[in-house]
Full PDB file with SEQRES, HELIX, SHEET, SSBOND, CRYST1, ORIGX, SCALE, CONECT and MASTER records, all heavy atoms in Angstrom:
SEQRES   1 A   43  VAL VAL VAL LEU GLU GLN LEU GLY ARG SER CYS VAL PRO          
SEQRES   2 A   43  GLY PRO ILE VAL PRO THR ILE LEU ALA ALA ASP GLY ARG          
SEQRES   3 A   43  ILE THR GLY VAL LEU ASP GLY GLY TRP VAL GLU HIS LEU          
SEQRES   4 A   43  ASP ALA LEU ASP                                              
HELIX    1 AA1 VAL A    2  ARG A    9  1                                   8    
HELIX    2 AA2 ILE A   16  ALA A   22  1                                   7    
HELIX    3 AA3 LEU A   39  ALA A   41  5                                   3    
CRYST1    1.000    1.000    1.000  90.00  90.00  90.00 P 1           1          
ORIGX1      1.000000  0.000000  0.000000        0.00000                         
ORIGX2      0.000000  1.000000  0.000000        0.00000                         
ORIGX3      0.000000  0.000000  1.000000        0.00000                         
SCALE1      1.000000  0.000000  0.000000        0.00000                         
SCALE2      0.000000  1.000000  0.000000        0.00000                         
SCALE3      0.000000  0.000000  1.000000        0.00000                         
ATOM      1  N   VAL A   1       0.830  -1.207   0.000  1.00  0.00           N  
ATOM      2  CA  VAL A   1       0.000   0.000   0.000  1.00  0.00           C  
ATOM      3  C   VAL A   1       0.863   1.256   0.000  1.00  0.00           C  
ATOM      4  O   VAL A   1       0.583   2.225  -0.725  1.00  0.00           O  
ATOM      5  CB  VAL A   1      -0.940  -0.027   1.224  1.00  0.00           C  
ATOM      6  CG1 VAL A   1      -1.468   1.361   1.545  1.00  0.00           C  
ATOM      7  CG2 VAL A   1      -2.108  -0.990   0.981  1.00  0.00           C  
ATOM      8  N   VAL A   2       1.919   1.259   0.778  1.00  0.00           N  
ATOM      9  CA  VAL A   2       2.797   2.427   0.866  1.00  0.00           C  
ATOM     10  C   VAL A   2       3.491   2.676  -0.475  1.00  0.00           C  
ATOM     11  O   VAL A   2       3.587   3.821  -0.946  1.00  0.00           O  
ATOM     12  CB  VAL A   2       3.832   2.239   1.986  1.00  0.00           C  
ATOM     13  CG1 VAL A   2       4.824   3.394   2.008  1.00  0.00           C  
ATOM     14  CG2 VAL A   2       3.146   2.117   3.339  1.00  0.00           C  
ATOM     15  N   VAL A   3       3.959   1.611  -1.109  1.00  0.00           N  
ATOM     16  CA  VAL A   3       4.626   1.739  -2.403  1.00  0.00           C  
ATOM     17  C   VAL A   3       3.652   2.268  -3.459  1.00  0.00           C  
ATOM     18  O   VAL A   3       3.966   3.186  -4.228  1.00  0.00           O  
ATOM     19  CB  VAL A   3       5.211   0.387  -2.852  1.00  0.00           C  
ATOM     20  CG1 VAL A   3       5.758   0.480  -4.270  1.00  0.00           C  
ATOM     21  CG2 VAL A   3       6.306  -0.064  -1.891  1.00  0.00           C  
ATOM     22  N   LEU A   4       2.468   1.697  -3.494  1.00  0.00           N  
ATOM     23  CA  LEU A   4       1.492   2.081  -4.507  1.00  0.00           C  
ATOM     24  C   LEU A   4       1.005   3.517  -4.312  1.00  0.00           C  
ATOM     25  O   LEU A   4       0.710   4.214  -5.288  1.00  0.00           O  
ATOM     26  CB  LEU A   4       0.316   1.107  -4.484  1.00  0.00           C  
ATOM     27  CG  LEU A   4       0.650  -0.279  -5.032  1.00  0.00           C  
ATOM     28  CD1 LEU A   4      -0.396  -1.300  -4.620  1.00  0.00           C  
ATOM     29  CD2 LEU A   4       0.777  -0.235  -6.546  1.00  0.00           C  
ATOM     30  N   GLU A   5       0.943   3.957  -3.088  1.00  0.00           N  
ATOM     31  CA  GLU A   5       0.573   5.354  -2.845  1.00  0.00           C  
ATOM     32  C   GLU A   5       1.575   6.292  -3.509  1.00  0.00           C  
ATOM     33  O   GLU A   5       1.199   7.299  -4.130  1.00  0.00           O  
ATOM     34  CB  GLU A   5       0.501   5.632  -1.343  1.00  0.00           C  
ATOM     35  CG  GLU A   5       0.122   7.074  -1.024  1.00  0.00           C  
ATOM     36  CD  GLU A   5       0.152   7.381   0.466  1.00  0.00           C  
ATOM     37  OE1 GLU A   5       0.225   6.437   1.277  1.00  0.00           O  
ATOM     38  OE2 GLU A   5       0.093   8.574   0.819  1.00  0.00           O  
ATOM     39  N   GLN A   6       2.853   5.975  -3.390  1.00  0.00           N  
ATOM     40  CA  GLN A   6       3.881   6.821  -3.998  1.00  0.00           C  
ATOM     41  C   GLN A   6       3.826   6.766  -5.524  1.00  0.00           C  
ATOM     42  O   GLN A   6       4.067   7.781  -6.197  1.00  0.00           O  
ATOM     43  CB  GLN A   6       5.268   6.401  -3.496  1.00  0.00           C  
ATOM     44  CG  GLN A   6       5.473   6.596  -2.007  1.00  0.00           C  
ATOM     45  CD  GLN A   6       5.152   8.013  -1.571  1.00  0.00           C  
ATOM     46  OE1 GLN A   6       5.624   8.988  -2.164  1.00  0.00           O  
ATOM     47  NE2 GLN A   6       4.334   8.147  -0.532  1.00  0.00           N  
ATOM     48  N   LEU A   7       3.504   5.606  -6.079  1.00  0.00           N  
ATOM     49  CA  LEU A   7       3.337   5.513  -7.527  1.00  0.00           C  
ATOM     50  C   LEU A   7       2.147   6.366  -7.976  1.00  0.00           C  
ATOM     51  O   LEU A   7       2.185   6.991  -9.039  1.00  0.00           O  
ATOM     52  CB  LEU A   7       3.128   4.059  -7.946  1.00  0.00           C  
ATOM     53  CG  LEU A   7       4.323   3.122  -7.738  1.00  0.00           C  
ATOM     54  CD1 LEU A   7       3.951   1.697  -8.124  1.00  0.00           C  
ATOM     55  CD2 LEU A   7       5.528   3.584  -8.552  1.00  0.00           C  
ATOM     56  N   GLY A   8       1.098   6.394  -7.158  1.00  0.00           N  
ATOM     57  CA  GLY A   8      -0.038   7.244  -7.463  1.00  0.00           C  
ATOM     58  C   GLY A   8       0.324   8.716  -7.425  1.00  0.00           C  
ATOM     59  O   GLY A   8      -0.132   9.507  -8.260  1.00  0.00           O  
ATOM     60  N   ARG A   9       1.142   9.112  -6.483  1.00  0.00           N  
ATOM     61  CA  ARG A   9       1.576  10.508  -6.395  1.00  0.00           C  
ATOM     62  C   ARG A   9       2.277  10.950  -7.667  1.00  0.00           C  
ATOM     63  O   ARG A   9       2.199  12.118  -8.056  1.00  0.00           O  
ATOM     64  CB  ARG A   9       2.510  10.697  -5.200  1.00  0.00           C  
ATOM     65  CG  ARG A   9       1.822  10.867  -3.860  1.00  0.00           C  
ATOM     66  CD  ARG A   9       2.838  11.041  -2.741  1.00  0.00           C  
ATOM     67  NE  ARG A   9       3.827  12.065  -3.068  1.00  0.00           N  
ATOM     68  CZ  ARG A   9       3.651  13.369  -2.911  1.00  0.00           C  
ATOM     69  NH1 ARG A   9       2.503  13.833  -2.447  1.00  0.00           N  
ATOM     70  NH2 ARG A   9       4.598  14.224  -3.230  1.00  0.00           N  
ATOM     71  N   SER A  10       2.978  10.028  -8.303  1.00  0.00           N  
ATOM     72  CA  SER A  10       3.684  10.347  -9.551  1.00  0.00           C  
ATOM     73  C   SER A  10       2.867  10.016 -10.788  1.00  0.00           C  
ATOM     74  O   SER A  10       3.358  10.149 -11.905  1.00  0.00           O  
ATOM     75  CB  SER A  10       5.025   9.595  -9.604  1.00  0.00           C  
ATOM     76  OG  SER A  10       5.880   9.991  -8.549  1.00  0.00           O  
ATOM     77  N   CYS A  11       1.633   9.555 -10.583  1.00  0.00           N  
ATOM     78  CA  CYS A  11       0.722   9.228 -11.685  1.00  0.00           C  
ATOM     79  C   CYS A  11       1.359   8.217 -12.644  1.00  0.00           C  
ATOM     80  O   CYS A  11       1.217   8.325 -13.866  1.00  0.00           O  
ATOM     81  CB  CYS A  11       0.331  10.499 -12.436  1.00  0.00           C  
ATOM     82  SG  CYS A  11      -1.306  10.432 -13.213  1.00  0.00           S  
ATOM     83  N   VAL A  12       2.069   7.245 -12.075  1.00  0.00           N  
ATOM     84  CA  VAL A  12       2.739   6.228 -12.890  1.00  0.00           C  
ATOM     85  C   VAL A  12       1.683   5.350 -13.558  1.00  0.00           C  
ATOM     86  O   VAL A  12       0.814   4.805 -12.887  1.00  0.00           O  
ATOM     87  CB  VAL A  12       3.682   5.367 -12.027  1.00  0.00           C  
ATOM     88  CG1 VAL A  12       4.286   4.237 -12.858  1.00  0.00           C  
ATOM     89  CG2 VAL A  12       4.777   6.240 -11.418  1.00  0.00           C  
ATOM     90  N   PRO A  13       1.740   5.194 -14.881  1.00  0.00           N  
ATOM     91  CA  PRO A  13       0.721   4.405 -15.579  1.00  0.00           C  
ATOM     92  C   PRO A  13       1.083   2.931 -15.638  1.00  0.00           C  
ATOM     93  O   PRO A  13       2.194   2.528 -15.262  1.00  0.00           O  
ATOM     94  CB  PRO A  13       0.737   5.019 -16.980  1.00  0.00           C  
ATOM     95  CG  PRO A  13       2.175   5.389 -17.180  1.00  0.00           C  
ATOM     96  CD  PRO A  13       2.678   5.834 -15.815  1.00  0.00           C  
ATOM     97  N   GLY A  14       0.150   2.143 -16.129  1.00  0.00           N  
ATOM     98  CA  GLY A  14       0.423   0.734 -16.383  1.00  0.00           C  
ATOM     99  C   GLY A  14      -0.445  -0.213 -15.587  1.00  0.00           C  
ATOM    100  O   GLY A  14      -1.098   0.185 -14.617  1.00  0.00           O  
ATOM    101  N   PRO A  15      -0.449  -1.488 -15.982  1.00  0.00           N  
ATOM    102  CA  PRO A  15      -1.227  -2.518 -15.257  1.00  0.00           C  
ATOM    103  C   PRO A  15      -0.490  -2.974 -14.007  1.00  0.00           C  
ATOM    104  O   PRO A  15      -0.150  -4.159 -13.846  1.00  0.00           O  
ATOM    105  CB  PRO A  15      -1.333  -3.643 -16.296  1.00  0.00           C  
ATOM    106  CG  PRO A  15      -0.075  -3.517 -17.091  1.00  0.00           C  
ATOM    107  CD  PRO A  15       0.218  -2.042 -17.174  1.00  0.00           C  
ATOM    108  N   ILE A  16      -0.226  -2.033 -13.123  1.00  0.00           N  
ATOM    109  CA  ILE A  16       0.620  -2.295 -11.959  1.00  0.00           C  
ATOM    110  C   ILE A  16      -0.074  -3.223 -10.972  1.00  0.00           C  
ATOM    111  O   ILE A  16       0.518  -4.206 -10.500  1.00  0.00           O  
ATOM    112  CB  ILE A  16       1.007  -0.970 -11.281  1.00  0.00           C  
ATOM    113  CG1 ILE A  16       1.817  -0.103 -12.247  1.00  0.00           C  
ATOM    114  CG2 ILE A  16       1.795  -1.222 -10.009  1.00  0.00           C  
ATOM    115  CD1 ILE A  16       2.052   1.304 -11.747  1.00  0.00           C  
ATOM    116  N   VAL A  17      -1.320  -2.926 -10.641  1.00  0.00           N  
ATOM    117  CA  VAL A  17      -2.014  -3.719  -9.625  1.00  0.00           C  
ATOM    118  C   VAL A  17      -2.204  -5.170 -10.055  1.00  0.00           C  
ATOM    119  O   VAL A  17      -1.863  -6.086  -9.296  1.00  0.00           O  
ATOM    120  CB  VAL A  17      -3.353  -3.061  -9.250  1.00  0.00           C  
ATOM    121  CG1 VAL A  17      -4.183  -3.985  -8.362  1.00  0.00           C  
ATOM    122  CG2 VAL A  17      -3.113  -1.733  -8.546  1.00  0.00           C  
ATOM    123  N   PRO A  18      -2.729  -5.460 -11.265  1.00  0.00           N  
ATOM    124  CA  PRO A  18      -2.874  -6.864 -11.660  1.00  0.00           C  
ATOM    125  C   PRO A  18      -1.550  -7.620 -11.694  1.00  0.00           C  
ATOM    126  O   PRO A  18      -1.502  -8.799 -11.355  1.00  0.00           O  
ATOM    127  CB  PRO A  18      -3.501  -6.783 -13.056  1.00  0.00           C  
ATOM    128  CG  PRO A  18      -4.128  -5.454 -13.127  1.00  0.00           C  
ATOM    129  CD  PRO A  18      -3.296  -4.554 -12.277  1.00  0.00           C  
ATOM    130  N   THR A  19      -0.482  -6.942 -12.077  1.00  0.00           N  
ATOM    131  CA  THR A  19       0.824  -7.605 -12.135  1.00  0.00           C  
ATOM    132  C   THR A  19       1.325  -7.946 -10.744  1.00  0.00           C  
ATOM    133  O   THR A  19       1.909  -9.015 -10.515  1.00  0.00           O  
ATOM    134  CB  THR A  19       1.830  -6.712 -12.879  1.00  0.00           C  
ATOM    135  OG1 THR A  19       1.341  -6.427 -14.196  1.00  0.00           O  
ATOM    136  CG2 THR A  19       3.185  -7.405 -12.995  1.00  0.00           C  
ATOM    137  N   ILE A  20       1.080  -7.059  -9.778  1.00  0.00           N  
ATOM    138  CA  ILE A  20       1.448  -7.355  -8.389  1.00  0.00           C  
ATOM    139  C   ILE A  20       0.603  -8.508  -7.860  1.00  0.00           C  
ATOM    140  O   ILE A  20       1.110  -9.399  -7.169  1.00  0.00           O  
ATOM    141  CB  ILE A  20       1.291  -6.108  -7.514  1.00  0.00           C  
ATOM    142  CG1 ILE A  20       2.349  -5.062  -7.866  1.00  0.00           C  
ATOM    143  CG2 ILE A  20       1.389  -6.465  -6.029  1.00  0.00           C  
ATOM    144  CD1 ILE A  20       2.194  -3.750  -7.122  1.00  0.00           C  
ATOM    145  N   LEU A  21      -0.676  -8.515  -8.198  1.00  0.00           N  
ATOM    146  CA  LEU A  21      -1.553  -9.582  -7.725  1.00  0.00           C  
ATOM    147  C   LEU A  21      -1.140 -10.931  -8.297  1.00  0.00           C  
ATOM    148  O   LEU A  21      -1.180 -11.949  -7.595  1.00  0.00           O  
ATOM    149  CB  LEU A  21      -3.005  -9.287  -8.127  1.00  0.00           C  
ATOM    150  CG  LEU A  21      -3.658  -8.045  -7.516  1.00  0.00           C  
ATOM    151  CD1 LEU A  21      -5.070  -7.879  -8.057  1.00  0.00           C  
ATOM    152  CD2 LEU A  21      -3.684  -8.142  -6.000  1.00  0.00           C  
ATOM    153  N   ALA A  22      -0.742 -10.947  -9.564  1.00  0.00           N  
ATOM    154  CA  ALA A  22      -0.329 -12.209 -10.193  1.00  0.00           C  
ATOM    155  C   ALA A  22       0.939 -12.754  -9.554  1.00  0.00           C  
ATOM    156  O   ALA A  22       1.081 -13.965  -9.349  1.00  0.00           O  
ATOM    157  CB  ALA A  22      -0.138 -12.013 -11.686  1.00  0.00           C  
ATOM    158  N   ALA A  23       1.888 -11.861  -9.252  1.00  0.00           N  
ATOM    159  CA  ALA A  23       3.124 -12.220  -8.534  1.00  0.00           C  
ATOM    160  C   ALA A  23       3.875 -13.373  -9.185  1.00  0.00           C  
ATOM    161  O   ALA A  23       4.460 -14.208  -8.501  1.00  0.00           O  
ATOM    162  CB  ALA A  23       2.801 -12.561  -7.069  1.00  0.00           C  
ATOM    163  N   ASP A  24       3.869 -13.416 -10.528  1.00  0.00           N  
ATOM    164  CA  ASP A  24       4.603 -14.492 -11.207  1.00  0.00           C  
ATOM    165  C   ASP A  24       5.570 -13.983 -12.274  1.00  0.00           C  
ATOM    166  O   ASP A  24       6.047 -14.746 -13.119  1.00  0.00           O  
ATOM    167  CB  ASP A  24       3.615 -15.479 -11.834  1.00  0.00           C  
ATOM    168  CG  ASP A  24       2.677 -14.819 -12.825  1.00  0.00           C  
ATOM    169  OD1 ASP A  24       2.891 -13.634 -13.169  1.00  0.00           O  
ATOM    170  OD2 ASP A  24       1.710 -15.470 -13.269  1.00  0.00           O  
ATOM    171  N   GLY A  25       5.827 -12.677 -12.240  1.00  0.00           N  
ATOM    172  CA  GLY A  25       6.779 -12.107 -13.175  1.00  0.00           C  
ATOM    173  C   GLY A  25       6.195 -11.717 -14.521  1.00  0.00           C  
ATOM    174  O   GLY A  25       6.884 -11.082 -15.330  1.00  0.00           O  
ATOM    175  N   ARG A  26       4.939 -12.067 -14.781  1.00  0.00           N  
ATOM    176  CA  ARG A  26       4.316 -11.719 -16.054  1.00  0.00           C  
ATOM    177  C   ARG A  26       3.549 -10.400 -15.931  1.00  0.00           C  
ATOM    178  O   ARG A  26       2.900 -10.151 -14.920  1.00  0.00           O  
ATOM    179  CB  ARG A  26       3.356 -12.828 -16.506  1.00  0.00           C  
ATOM    180  CG  ARG A  26       4.024 -14.162 -16.777  1.00  0.00           C  
ATOM    181  CD  ARG A  26       2.995 -15.197 -17.239  1.00  0.00           C  
ATOM    182  NE  ARG A  26       1.993 -15.475 -16.210  1.00  0.00           N  
ATOM    183  CZ  ARG A  26       0.941 -16.281 -16.400  1.00  0.00           C  
ATOM    184  NH1 ARG A  26       0.759 -16.856 -17.591  1.00  0.00           N  
ATOM    185  NH2 ARG A  26       0.078 -16.494 -15.424  1.00  0.00           N  
ATOM    186  N   ILE A  27       3.647  -9.573 -16.961  1.00  0.00           N  
ATOM    187  CA  ILE A  27       2.870  -8.340 -16.987  1.00  0.00           C  
ATOM    188  C   ILE A  27       1.420  -8.724 -17.253  1.00  0.00           C  
ATOM    189  O   ILE A  27       1.101  -9.279 -18.307  1.00  0.00           O  
ATOM    190  CB  ILE A  27       3.382  -7.375 -18.069  1.00  0.00           C  
ATOM    191  CG1 ILE A  27       4.874  -7.123 -17.881  1.00  0.00           C  
ATOM    192  CG2 ILE A  27       2.604  -6.061 -18.005  1.00  0.00           C  
ATOM    193  CD1 ILE A  27       5.254  -6.541 -16.542  1.00  0.00           C  
ATOM    194  N   THR A  28       0.562  -8.439 -16.298  1.00  0.00           N  
ATOM    195  CA  THR A  28      -0.797  -8.968 -16.293  1.00  0.00           C  
ATOM    196  C   THR A  28      -1.822  -7.858 -16.419  1.00  0.00           C  
ATOM    197  O   THR A  28      -1.732  -6.828 -15.745  1.00  0.00           O  
ATOM    198  CB  THR A  28      -1.049  -9.752 -14.995  1.00  0.00           C  
ATOM    199  OG1 THR A  28      -0.065 -10.784 -14.879  1.00  0.00           O  
ATOM    200  CG2 THR A  28      -2.435 -10.379 -14.992  1.00  0.00           C  
ATOM    201  N   GLY A  29      -2.807  -8.099 -17.271  1.00  0.00           N  
ATOM    202  CA  GLY A  29      -3.922  -7.177 -17.405  1.00  0.00           C  
ATOM    203  C   GLY A  29      -5.223  -7.858 -17.042  1.00  0.00           C  
ATOM    204  O   GLY A  29      -5.270  -9.073 -16.841  1.00  0.00           O  
ATOM    205  N   VAL A  30      -6.290  -7.086 -16.980  1.00  0.00           N  
ATOM    206  CA  VAL A  30      -7.600  -7.605 -16.602  1.00  0.00           C  
ATOM    207  C   VAL A  30      -8.611  -7.249 -17.682  1.00  0.00           C  
ATOM    208  O   VAL A  30      -8.677  -6.087 -18.114  1.00  0.00           O  
ATOM    209  CB  VAL A  30      -8.061  -7.039 -15.248  1.00  0.00           C  
ATOM    210  CG1 VAL A  30      -9.470  -7.505 -14.915  1.00  0.00           C  
ATOM    211  CG2 VAL A  30      -7.090  -7.438 -14.145  1.00  0.00           C  
ATOM    212  N   LEU A  31      -9.378  -8.235 -18.111  1.00  0.00           N  
ATOM    213  CA  LEU A  31     -10.488  -7.998 -19.032  1.00  0.00           C  
ATOM    214  C   LEU A  31     -11.708  -7.665 -18.190  1.00  0.00           C  
ATOM    215  O   LEU A  31     -12.212  -8.502 -17.442  1.00  0.00           O  
ATOM    216  CB  LEU A  31     -10.750  -9.228 -19.894  1.00  0.00           C  
ATOM    217  CG  LEU A  31     -11.904  -9.123 -20.898  1.00  0.00           C  
ATOM    218  CD1 LEU A  31     -11.655  -7.997 -21.881  1.00  0.00           C  
ATOM    219  CD2 LEU A  31     -12.103 -10.445 -21.621  1.00  0.00           C  
ATOM    220  N   ASP A  32     -12.174  -6.427 -18.292  1.00  0.00           N  
ATOM    221  CA  ASP A  32     -13.272  -5.956 -17.445  1.00  0.00           C  
ATOM    222  C   ASP A  32     -14.327  -5.284 -18.319  1.00  0.00           C  
ATOM    223  O   ASP A  32     -14.067  -4.240 -18.929  1.00  0.00           O  
ATOM    224  CB  ASP A  32     -12.735  -4.961 -16.409  1.00  0.00           C  
ATOM    225  CG  ASP A  32     -13.796  -4.501 -15.432  1.00  0.00           C  
ATOM    226  OD1 ASP A  32     -14.884  -5.099 -15.410  1.00  0.00           O  
ATOM    227  OD2 ASP A  32     -13.532  -3.542 -14.692  1.00  0.00           O  
ATOM    228  N   GLY A  33     -15.502  -5.895 -18.380  1.00  0.00           N  
ATOM    229  CA  GLY A  33     -16.581  -5.309 -19.155  1.00  0.00           C  
ATOM    230  C   GLY A  33     -16.283  -5.205 -20.638  1.00  0.00           C  
ATOM    231  O   GLY A  33     -16.806  -4.314 -21.310  1.00  0.00           O  
ATOM    232  N   GLY A  34     -15.459  -6.089 -21.142  1.00  0.00           N  
ATOM    233  CA  GLY A  34     -15.122  -6.068 -22.556  1.00  0.00           C  
ATOM    234  C   GLY A  34     -13.977  -5.150 -22.923  1.00  0.00           C  
ATOM    235  O   GLY A  34     -13.637  -5.006 -24.106  1.00  0.00           O  
ATOM    236  N   TRP A  35     -13.361  -4.534 -21.916  1.00  0.00           N  
ATOM    237  CA  TRP A  35     -12.239  -3.622 -22.161  1.00  0.00           C  
ATOM    238  C   TRP A  35     -10.984  -4.149 -21.472  1.00  0.00           C  
ATOM    239  O   TRP A  35     -11.052  -4.745 -20.394  1.00  0.00           O  
ATOM    240  CB  TRP A  35     -12.543  -2.224 -21.627  1.00  0.00           C  
ATOM    241  CG  TRP A  35     -13.659  -1.531 -22.330  1.00  0.00           C  
ATOM    242  CD1 TRP A  35     -14.978  -1.558 -21.996  1.00  0.00           C  
ATOM    243  CD2 TRP A  35     -13.568  -0.713 -23.488  1.00  0.00           C  
ATOM    244  NE1 TRP A  35     -15.712  -0.807 -22.865  1.00  0.00           N  
ATOM    245  CE2 TRP A  35     -14.875  -0.274 -23.800  1.00  0.00           C  
ATOM    246  CE3 TRP A  35     -12.510  -0.306 -24.300  1.00  0.00           C  
ATOM    247  CZ2 TRP A  35     -15.153   0.559 -24.886  1.00  0.00           C  
ATOM    248  CZ3 TRP A  35     -12.775   0.515 -25.379  1.00  0.00           C  
ATOM    249  CH2 TRP A  35     -14.077   0.943 -25.671  1.00  0.00           C  
ATOM    250  N   VAL A  36      -9.841  -3.899 -22.068  1.00  0.00           N  
ATOM    251  CA  VAL A  36      -8.569  -4.261 -21.456  1.00  0.00           C  
ATOM    252  C   VAL A  36      -7.590  -3.114 -21.672  1.00  0.00           C  
ATOM    253  O   VAL A  36      -7.562  -2.490 -22.742  1.00  0.00           O  
ATOM    254  CB  VAL A  36      -8.005  -5.581 -22.044  1.00  0.00           C  
ATOM    255  CG1 VAL A  36      -7.732  -5.454 -23.533  1.00  0.00           C  
ATOM    256  CG2 VAL A  36      -6.751  -6.021 -21.299  1.00  0.00           C  
ATOM    257  N   GLU A  37      -6.824  -2.798 -20.651  1.00  0.00           N  
ATOM    258  CA  GLU A  37      -5.885  -1.679 -20.706  1.00  0.00           C  
ATOM    259  C   GLU A  37      -4.468  -2.162 -20.996  1.00  0.00           C  
ATOM    260  O   GLU A  37      -4.086  -3.264 -20.615  1.00  0.00           O  
ATOM    261  CB  GLU A  37      -5.907  -0.922 -19.378  1.00  0.00           C  
ATOM    262  CG  GLU A  37      -7.267  -0.326 -19.030  1.00  0.00           C  
ATOM    263  CD  GLU A  37      -7.302   0.269 -17.633  1.00  0.00           C  
ATOM    264  OE1 GLU A  37      -6.287   0.153 -16.909  1.00  0.00           O  
ATOM    265  OE2 GLU A  37      -8.351   0.836 -17.258  1.00  0.00           O  
ATOM    266  N   HIS A  38      -3.695  -1.324 -21.685  1.00  0.00           N  
ATOM    267  CA  HIS A  38      -2.277  -1.586 -21.973  1.00  0.00           C  
ATOM    268  C   HIS A  38      -2.081  -2.945 -22.661  1.00  0.00           C  
ATOM    269  O   HIS A  38      -1.148  -3.684 -22.353  1.00  0.00           O  
ATOM    270  CB  HIS A  38      -1.444  -1.535 -20.685  1.00  0.00           C  
ATOM    271  CG  HIS A  38      -1.470  -0.205 -20.002  1.00  0.00           C  
ATOM    272  ND1 HIS A  38      -0.687   0.848 -20.392  1.00  0.00           N  
ATOM    273  CD2 HIS A  38      -2.205   0.232 -18.946  1.00  0.00           C  
ATOM    274  CE1 HIS A  38      -0.915   1.889 -19.603  1.00  0.00           C  
ATOM    275  NE2 HIS A  38      -1.846   1.541 -18.729  1.00  0.00           N  
ATOM    276  N   LEU A  39      -2.949  -3.258 -23.603  1.00  0.00           N  
ATOM    277  CA  LEU A  39      -2.926  -4.579 -24.224  1.00  0.00           C  
ATOM    278  C   LEU A  39      -1.571  -4.915 -24.837  1.00  0.00           C  
ATOM    279  O   LEU A  39      -1.077  -6.039 -24.710  1.00  0.00           O  
ATOM    280  CB  LEU A  39      -4.023  -4.665 -25.291  1.00  0.00           C  
ATOM    281  CG  LEU A  39      -4.165  -6.002 -26.008  1.00  0.00           C  
ATOM    282  CD1 LEU A  39      -4.538  -7.102 -25.018  1.00  0.00           C  
ATOM    283  CD2 LEU A  39      -5.223  -5.912 -27.112  1.00  0.00           C  
ATOM    284  N   ASP A  40      -0.951  -3.958 -25.491  1.00  0.00           N  
ATOM    285  CA  ASP A  40       0.313  -4.225 -26.185  1.00  0.00           C  
ATOM    286  C   ASP A  40       1.454  -4.557 -25.235  1.00  0.00           C  
ATOM    287  O   ASP A  40       2.467  -5.128 -25.654  1.00  0.00           O  
ATOM    288  CB  ASP A  40       0.703  -3.022 -27.043  1.00  0.00           C  
ATOM    289  CG  ASP A  40      -0.241  -2.813 -28.224  1.00  0.00           C  
ATOM    290  OD1 ASP A  40      -0.955  -3.775 -28.569  1.00  0.00           O  
ATOM    291  OD2 ASP A  40      -0.259  -1.698 -28.777  1.00  0.00           O  
ATOM    292  N   ALA A  41       1.310  -4.201 -23.960  1.00  0.00           N  
ATOM    293  CA  ALA A  41       2.391  -4.433 -22.997  1.00  0.00           C  
ATOM    294  C   ALA A  41       2.207  -5.716 -22.197  1.00  0.00           C  
ATOM    295  O   ALA A  41       3.093  -6.096 -21.428  1.00  0.00           O  
ATOM    296  CB  ALA A  41       2.483  -3.253 -22.031  1.00  0.00           C  
ATOM    297  N   LEU A  42       1.081  -6.420 -22.393  1.00  0.00           N  
ATOM    298  CA  LEU A  42       0.736  -7.535 -21.523  1.00  0.00           C  
ATOM    299  C   LEU A  42       1.334  -8.868 -21.972  1.00  0.00           C  
ATOM    300  O   LEU A  42       1.490  -9.127 -23.161  1.00  0.00           O  
ATOM    301  CB  LEU A  42      -0.787  -7.680 -21.444  1.00  0.00           C  
ATOM    302  CG  LEU A  42      -1.576  -6.469 -20.957  1.00  0.00           C  
ATOM    303  CD1 LEU A  42      -3.063  -6.772 -20.949  1.00  0.00           C  
ATOM    304  CD2 LEU A  42      -1.100  -6.037 -19.571  1.00  0.00           C  
ATOM    305  N   ASP A  43       1.615  -9.696 -20.972  1.00  0.00           N  
ATOM    306  CA  ASP A  43       1.990 -11.094 -21.214  1.00  0.00           C  
ATOM    307  C   ASP A  43       0.790 -12.014 -21.069  1.00  0.00           C  
ATOM    308  O   ASP A  43       0.733 -13.083 -21.684  1.00  0.00           O  
ATOM    309  CB  ASP A  43       3.076 -11.535 -20.224  1.00  0.00           C  
ATOM    310  CG  ASP A  43       4.363 -10.746 -20.369  1.00  0.00           C  
ATOM    311  OD1 ASP A  43       4.741 -10.435 -21.508  1.00  0.00           O  
ATOM    312  OD2 ASP A  43       4.983 -10.425 -19.334  1.00  0.00           O  
TER     313      ASP A  43                                                      
MASTER        0    0    0    3    0    0    0    6  312    1    0    4          
END                                                                             
């Protein structure tokens, strides 16, 4: 939470939360309501 707060302060973009949740080294995105963010960067 402390780390992510600082990333928010700098408005750092990217699928940061799903990748942390996956915790397997893969850049992870979420398909939500038919939309997916940062598709070109995802594993």
